Amino acid sequence: MSRIIISVEGKSEKNFVDKVLTPHLLSFGVYVEVQDMKGNISVDRVVEKLNKLAHSYDYVTTLYDFYGFKRKSEDENKQSLEDKIKQGIRLDKQHKIIPYIQMYEFETLLFSNASIMATELSTNQNWIDDVLSEFSNIEDINNSKKTAPSKRIIKNCVYIKTTHAPNILKQIGLKEIRQKCAGFNNWLTQLESLGE
């Protein structure tokens, strides 16, 4: 059995890992612990934390929002941030690090099933369908920080991130999330393989 720790941006992601990912990965022989960064994500802070965690676990991975990163340049992208994280790790520990940044926000995953999302948020499904019609890939839901997935949700209904997000994602289920979110699926597939 492999022991991994998932460093997450905040409480919502922690609740999702605890409720959904941990039991799933355990069935693959991967024991999961979670480390909550409590926001304020930057490459420097992440690298410092992951270098410390790498000593105690077989593998260390991350679940952060792209929009959550502070002090990133305008031309920064998912791959460049993940590369900077990996390059900041001590050479003898780099093989243990699996950086993952969710585009553009954790809330993207909620759009995997419009019906469940609408029901759980007690909102009209039409606005969700309208958002989905704008994007061929839900991991591309974005235009600006003002129209990021969480901002679209807050604009249309009452949204308590720490409660709603993990519960909605549990209702949707990993199978459907993976079908709709290729980046997330690739990351989870990599984590599953750690138990082999």
C-alpha atoms as a PDB file:
ATOM      1  CA  MET A   1       0.000   0.000   0.000  1.00  0.00           C
ATOM      2  CA  SER A   2       1.267   3.454  -0.933  1.00  0.00           C
ATOM      3  CA  ARG A   3       0.931   6.368   1.463  1.00  0.00           C
ATOM      4  CA  ILE A   4       0.195   9.695  -0.189  1.00  0.00           C
ATOM      5  CA  ILE A   5      -0.673  13.122   1.060  1.00  0.00           C
ATOM      6  CA  ILE A   6      -2.804  15.496  -0.967  1.00  0.00           C
ATOM      7  CA  SER A   7      -2.034  19.137  -0.272  1.00  0.00           C
ATOM      8  CA  VAL A   8      -5.239  21.078  -0.900  1.00  0.00           C
ATOM      9  CA  GLU A   9      -6.053  24.753  -1.190  1.00  0.00           C
ATOM     10  CA  GLY A  10      -8.761  24.888   1.461  1.00  0.00           C
ATOM     11  CA  LYS A  11     -11.567  23.290   3.415  1.00  0.00           C
ATOM     12  CA  SER A  12     -13.833  22.541   0.420  1.00  0.00           C
ATOM     13  CA  GLU A  13     -11.132  20.572  -1.328  1.00  0.00           C
ATOM     14  CA  LYS A  14     -10.263  18.837   1.945  1.00  0.00           C
ATOM     15  CA  ASN A  15     -13.889  17.801   2.443  1.00  0.00           C
ATOM     16  CA  PHE A  16     -14.022  16.491  -1.139  1.00  0.00           C
ATOM     17  CA  VAL A  17     -10.852  14.456  -0.661  1.00  0.00           C
ATOM     18  CA  ASP A  18     -12.096  13.078   2.671  1.00  0.00           C
ATOM     19  CA  LYS A  19     -15.598  12.194   1.421  1.00  0.00           C
ATOM     20  CA  VAL A  20     -14.931  11.111  -2.157  1.00  0.00           C
ATOM     21  CA  LEU A  21     -11.283  10.553  -3.093  1.00  0.00           C
ATOM     22  CA  THR A  22      -9.989   8.844   0.049  1.00  0.00           C
ATOM     23  CA  PRO A  23     -12.412   5.877  -0.014  1.00  0.00           C
ATOM     24  CA  HIS A  24     -11.986   5.547  -3.783  1.00  0.00           C
ATOM     25  CA  LEU A  25      -8.185   5.503  -3.667  1.00  0.00           C
ATOM     26  CA  LEU A  26      -8.133   3.117  -0.712  1.00  0.00           C
ATOM     27  CA  SER A  27      -9.792   0.534  -2.973  1.00  0.00           C
ATOM     28  CA  PHE A  28      -6.692   0.838  -5.204  1.00  0.00           C
ATOM     29  CA  GLY A  29      -4.284   0.299  -2.307  1.00  0.00           C
ATOM     30  CA  VAL A  30      -3.532   3.999  -1.861  1.00  0.00           C
ATOM     31  CA  TYR A  31      -3.799   5.371   1.689  1.00  0.00           C
ATOM     32  CA  VAL A  32      -4.551   9.104   1.657  1.00  0.00           C
ATOM     33  CA  GLU A  33      -3.955  11.894   4.137  1.00  0.00           C
ATOM     34  CA  VAL A  34      -4.850  15.532   3.489  1.00  0.00           C
ATOM     35  CA  GLN A  35      -2.948  18.722   4.244  1.00  0.00           C
ATOM     36  CA  ASP A  36      -4.981  21.953   4.086  1.00  0.00           C
ATOM     37  CA  MET A  37      -3.002  25.017   2.972  1.00  0.00           C
ATOM     38  CA  LYS A  38      -5.866  27.282   4.139  1.00  0.00           C
ATOM     39  CA  GLY A  39      -5.592  29.479   1.049  1.00  0.00           C
ATOM     40  CA  ASN A  40      -2.808  31.935   0.230  1.00  0.00           C
ATOM     41  CA  ILE A  41      -1.322  29.641  -2.428  1.00  0.00           C
ATOM     42  CA  SER A  42       1.921  30.639  -4.124  1.00  0.00           C
ATOM     43  CA  VAL A  43       4.638  28.601  -5.800  1.00  0.00           C
ATOM     44  CA  ASP A  44       7.156  29.511  -3.074  1.00  0.00           C
ATOM     45  CA  ARG A  45       4.816  28.522  -0.246  1.00  0.00           C
ATOM     46  CA  VAL A  46       3.787  25.292  -1.986  1.00  0.00           C
ATOM     47  CA  VAL A  47       7.386  24.282  -2.713  1.00  0.00           C
ATOM     48  CA  GLU A  48       8.401  24.909   0.898  1.00  0.00           C
ATOM     49  CA  LYS A  49       5.502  22.782   2.196  1.00  0.00           C
ATOM     50  CA  LEU A  50       5.945  19.936  -0.311  1.00  0.00           C
ATOM     51  CA  ASN A  51       9.684  19.679   0.372  1.00  0.00           C
ATOM     52  CA  LYS A  52       8.837  19.033   4.034  1.00  0.00           C
ATOM     53  CA  LEU A  53       6.024  16.573   3.268  1.00  0.00           C
ATOM     54  CA  ALA A  54       8.118  14.536   0.812  1.00  0.00           C
ATOM     55  CA  HIS A  55      10.182  13.136   3.704  1.00  0.00           C
ATOM     56  CA  SER A  56       7.185  11.443   5.341  1.00  0.00           C
ATOM     57  CA  TYR A  57       5.153  10.023   2.430  1.00  0.00           C
ATOM     58  CA  ASP A  58       5.646   7.775  -0.574  1.00  0.00           C
ATOM     59  CA  TYR A  59       4.070  10.444  -2.785  1.00  0.00           C
ATOM     60  CA  VAL A  60       2.863  14.017  -2.450  1.00  0.00           C
ATOM     61  CA  THR A  61       0.266  15.524  -4.755  1.00  0.00           C
ATOM     62  CA  THR A  62      -1.723  18.746  -4.889  1.00  0.00           C
ATOM     63  CA  LEU A  63      -5.247  19.946  -5.565  1.00  0.00           C
ATOM     64  CA  TYR A  64      -5.185  23.718  -6.053  1.00  0.00           C
ATOM     65  CA  ASP A  65      -7.206  26.109  -8.214  1.00  0.00           C
ATOM     66  CA  PHE A  66      -5.360  27.860 -11.015  1.00  0.00           C
ATOM     67  CA  TYR A  67      -7.054  31.066  -9.871  1.00  0.00           C
ATOM     68  CA  GLY A  68      -5.935  30.423  -6.303  1.00  0.00           C
ATOM     69  CA  PHE A  69      -2.278  31.136  -7.057  1.00  0.00           C
ATOM     70  CA  LYS A  70      -0.938  34.468  -5.856  1.00  0.00           C
ATOM     71  CA  ARG A  71       1.864  36.348  -7.599  1.00  0.00           C
ATOM     72  CA  LYS A  72       1.637  34.483 -10.910  1.00  0.00           C
ATOM     73  CA  SER A  73       2.524  36.269 -14.130  1.00  0.00           C
ATOM     74  CA  GLU A  74      -0.017  37.042 -16.868  1.00  0.00           C
ATOM     75  CA  ASP A  75       1.480  34.411 -19.185  1.00  0.00           C
ATOM     76  CA  GLU A  76       1.454  31.698 -16.509  1.00  0.00           C
ATOM     77  CA  ASN A  77      -0.513  28.535 -17.285  1.00  0.00           C
ATOM     78  CA  LYS A  78      -1.317  25.233 -15.608  1.00  0.00           C
ATOM     79  CA  GLN A  79       1.729  23.446 -17.023  1.00  0.00           C
ATOM     80  CA  SER A  80       4.177  26.221 -16.175  1.00  0.00           C
ATOM     81  CA  LEU A  81       2.934  26.358 -12.569  1.00  0.00           C
ATOM     82  CA  GLU A  82       3.102  22.577 -12.184  1.00  0.00           C
ATOM     83  CA  ASP A  83       6.622  22.614 -13.668  1.00  0.00           C
ATOM     84  CA  LYS A  84       7.754  25.365 -11.267  1.00  0.00           C
ATOM     85  CA  ILE A  85       6.447  23.366  -8.317  1.00  0.00           C
ATOM     86  CA  LYS A  86       8.243  20.201  -9.425  1.00  0.00           C
ATOM     87  CA  GLN A  87      11.477  22.071 -10.187  1.00  0.00           C
ATOM     88  CA  GLY A  88      11.446  23.630  -6.718  1.00  0.00           C
ATOM     89  CA  ILE A  89      11.569  20.233  -5.029  1.00  0.00           C
ATOM     90  CA  ARG A  90      14.888  18.733  -3.955  1.00  0.00           C
ATOM     91  CA  LEU A  91      16.245  16.528  -6.746  1.00  0.00           C
ATOM     92  CA  ASP A  92      16.263  13.395  -4.589  1.00  0.00           C
ATOM     93  CA  LYS A  93      12.533  13.906  -3.799  1.00  0.00           C
ATOM     94  CA  GLN A  94      11.187  15.069  -7.184  1.00  0.00           C
ATOM     95  CA  HIS A  95      10.062  11.545  -8.141  1.00  0.00           C
ATOM     96  CA  LYS A  96       7.598  11.678  -5.215  1.00  0.00           C
ATOM     97  CA  ILE A  97       5.844  14.862  -6.334  1.00  0.00           C
ATOM     98  CA  ILE A  98       2.718  14.885  -8.527  1.00  0.00           C
ATOM     99  CA  PRO A  99       1.597  18.508  -8.903  1.00  0.00           C
ATOM    100  CA  TYR A 100      -2.009  18.999 -10.015  1.00  0.00           C
ATOM    101  CA  ILE A 101      -3.734  22.309 -10.618  1.00  0.00           C
ATOM    102  CA  GLN A 102      -7.447  22.324 -11.444  1.00  0.00           C
ATOM    103  CA  MET A 103      -8.433  24.637 -14.267  1.00  0.00           C
ATOM    104  CA  TYR A 104      -9.735  27.175 -13.494  1.00  0.00           C
ATOM    105  CA  GLU A 105     -11.293  26.410 -10.145  1.00  0.00           C
ATOM    106  CA  PHE A 106     -12.396  23.456  -8.047  1.00  0.00           C
ATOM    107  CA  GLU A 107     -16.006  24.497  -8.790  1.00  0.00           C
ATOM    108  CA  THR A 108     -15.474  23.492 -12.412  1.00  0.00           C
ATOM    109  CA  LEU A 109     -16.099  19.899 -11.357  1.00  0.00           C
ATOM    110  CA  LEU A 110     -19.636  20.780 -10.215  1.00  0.00           C
ATOM    111  CA  PHE A 111     -20.621  21.413 -13.841  1.00  0.00           C
ATOM    112  CA  SER A 112     -20.152  17.694 -14.589  1.00  0.00           C
ATOM    113  CA  ASN A 113     -23.879  17.150 -14.045  1.00  0.00           C
ATOM    114  CA  ALA A 114     -26.186  20.149 -14.496  1.00  0.00           C
ATOM    115  CA  SER A 115     -29.248  18.391 -13.103  1.00  0.00           C
ATOM    116  CA  ILE A 116     -27.628  17.302  -9.837  1.00  0.00           C
ATOM    117  CA  MET A 117     -25.925  20.674  -9.482  1.00  0.00           C
ATOM    118  CA  ALA A 118     -29.226  22.536  -9.930  1.00  0.00           C
ATOM    119  CA  THR A 119     -31.103  20.254  -7.536  1.00  0.00           C
ATOM    120  CA  GLU A 120     -28.474  20.423  -4.801  1.00  0.00           C
ATOM    121  CA  LEU A 121     -28.158  24.215  -5.114  1.00  0.00           C
ATOM    122  CA  SER A 122     -31.950  24.704  -5.306  1.00  0.00           C
ATOM    123  CA  THR A 123     -31.561  26.710  -8.491  1.00  0.00           C
ATOM    124  CA  ASN A 124     -32.909  26.751 -12.024  1.00  0.00           C
ATOM    125  CA  GLN A 125     -30.913  24.513 -14.354  1.00  0.00           C
ATOM    126  CA  ASN A 126     -31.235  26.885 -17.330  1.00  0.00           C
ATOM    127  CA  TRP A 127     -28.329  29.122 -16.354  1.00  0.00           C
ATOM    128  CA  ILE A 128     -26.102  26.057 -15.862  1.00  0.00           C
ATOM    129  CA  ASP A 129     -27.077  24.735 -19.298  1.00  0.00           C
ATOM    130  CA  ASP A 130     -26.319  28.178 -20.759  1.00  0.00           C
ATOM    131  CA  VAL A 131     -22.826  28.113 -19.248  1.00  0.00           C
ATOM    132  CA  LEU A 132     -22.215  24.588 -20.533  1.00  0.00           C
ATOM    133  CA  SER A 133     -23.322  25.578 -24.040  1.00  0.00           C
ATOM    134  CA  GLU A 134     -20.519  28.174 -24.146  1.00  0.00           C
ATOM    135  CA  PHE A 135     -17.728  25.637 -23.605  1.00  0.00           C
ATOM    136  CA  SER A 136     -16.946  22.327 -25.297  1.00  0.00           C
ATOM    137  CA  ASN A 137     -14.775  21.329 -22.318  1.00  0.00           C
ATOM    138  CA  ILE A 138     -16.025  22.209 -18.845  1.00  0.00           C
ATOM    139  CA  GLU A 139     -12.458  22.571 -17.584  1.00  0.00           C
ATOM    140  CA  ASP A 140     -12.311  25.622 -19.868  1.00  0.00           C
ATOM    141  CA  ILE A 141     -15.177  27.426 -18.095  1.00  0.00           C
ATOM    142  CA  ASN A 142     -13.618  30.822 -17.688  1.00  0.00           C
ATOM    143  CA  ASN A 143     -13.430  34.249 -19.240  1.00  0.00           C
ATOM    144  CA  SER A 144     -12.098  36.247 -16.349  1.00  0.00           C
ATOM    145  CA  LYS A 145     -11.910  36.140 -12.588  1.00  0.00           C
ATOM    146  CA  LYS A 146     -15.386  37.706 -12.611  1.00  0.00           C
ATOM    147  CA  THR A 147     -16.850  34.860 -14.674  1.00  0.00           C
ATOM    148  CA  ALA A 148     -14.929  31.979 -13.132  1.00  0.00           C
ATOM    149  CA  PRO A 149     -17.045  28.953 -12.150  1.00  0.00           C
ATOM    150  CA  SER A 150     -17.516  30.030  -8.513  1.00  0.00           C
ATOM    151  CA  LYS A 151     -18.515  33.561  -9.536  1.00  0.00           C
ATOM    152  CA  ARG A 152     -21.121  32.188 -11.943  1.00  0.00           C
ATOM    153  CA  ILE A 153     -22.554  30.015  -9.170  1.00  0.00           C
ATOM    154  CA  ILE A 154     -22.636  32.814  -6.578  1.00  0.00           C
ATOM    155  CA  LYS A 155     -24.337  35.119  -9.083  1.00  0.00           C
ATOM    156  CA  ASN A 156     -27.211  32.659  -9.552  1.00  0.00           C
ATOM    157  CA  CYS A 157     -27.816  31.025  -6.172  1.00  0.00           C
ATOM    158  CA  VAL A 158     -26.814  30.654  -2.552  1.00  0.00           C
ATOM    159  CA  TYR A 159     -23.552  28.723  -2.506  1.00  0.00           C
ATOM    160  CA  ILE A 160     -21.744  27.542   0.614  1.00  0.00           C
ATOM    161  CA  LYS A 161     -18.559  26.179  -0.877  1.00  0.00           C
ATOM    162  CA  THR A 162     -17.408  24.021   2.014  1.00  0.00           C
ATOM    163  CA  THR A 163     -20.741  22.197   2.214  1.00  0.00           C
ATOM    164  CA  HIS A 164     -22.243  22.316  -1.262  1.00  0.00           C
ATOM    165  CA  ALA A 165     -19.176  21.423  -3.333  1.00  0.00           C
ATOM    166  CA  PRO A 166     -18.232  18.132  -1.619  1.00  0.00           C
ATOM    167  CA  ASN A 167     -21.871  17.036  -1.353  1.00  0.00           C
ATOM    168  CA  ILE A 168     -22.646  17.800  -4.995  1.00  0.00           C
ATOM    169  CA  LEU A 169     -19.515  16.020  -6.179  1.00  0.00           C
ATOM    170  CA  LYS A 170     -20.341  12.980  -4.076  1.00  0.00           C
ATOM    171  CA  GLN A 171     -23.831  12.921  -5.633  1.00  0.00           C
ATOM    172  CA  ILE A 172     -22.424  13.228  -9.164  1.00  0.00           C
ATOM    173  CA  GLY A 173     -19.833  10.516  -8.579  1.00  0.00           C
ATOM    174  CA  LEU A 174     -16.291  10.129  -9.824  1.00  0.00           C
ATOM    175  CA  LYS A 175     -17.272   8.200 -12.957  1.00  0.00           C
ATOM    176  CA  GLU A 176     -19.205  11.114 -14.433  1.00  0.00           C
ATOM    177  CA  ILE A 177     -16.733  13.751 -13.236  1.00  0.00           C
ATOM    178  CA  ARG A 178     -13.939  11.825 -14.950  1.00  0.00           C
ATOM    179  CA  GLN A 179     -15.893  11.537 -18.190  1.00  0.00           C
ATOM    180  CA  LYS A 180     -16.393  15.306 -18.315  1.00  0.00           C
ATOM    181  CA  CYS A 181     -13.056  16.518 -16.890  1.00  0.00           C
ATOM    182  CA  ALA A 182     -10.061  15.047 -18.722  1.00  0.00           C
ATOM    183  CA  GLY A 183      -7.447  16.853 -16.633  1.00  0.00           C
ATOM    184  CA  PHE A 184      -8.986  15.641 -13.394  1.00  0.00           C
ATOM    185  CA  ASN A 185      -9.324  12.128 -14.841  1.00  0.00           C
ATOM    186  CA  ASN A 186      -5.646  11.998 -15.837  1.00  0.00           C
ATOM    187  CA  TRP A 187      -4.599  13.066 -12.346  1.00  0.00           C
ATOM    188  CA  LEU A 188      -6.837  10.528 -10.612  1.00  0.00           C
ATOM    189  CA  THR A 189      -5.658   7.753 -12.954  1.00  0.00           C
ATOM    190  CA  GLN A 190      -2.084   8.569 -11.970  1.00  0.00           C
ATOM    191  CA  LEU A 191      -2.984   8.395  -8.272  1.00  0.00           C
ATOM    192  CA  GLU A 192      -4.769   5.060  -8.731  1.00  0.00           C
ATOM    193  CA  SER A 193      -1.648   3.613 -10.352  1.00  0.00           C
ATOM    194  CA  LEU A 194       0.385   4.336  -7.206  1.00  0.00           C
ATOM    195  CA  GLY A 195      -1.246   1.375  -5.473  1.00  0.00           C
ATOM    196  CA  GLU A 196      -0.079  -1.141  -8.081  1.00  0.00           C
END
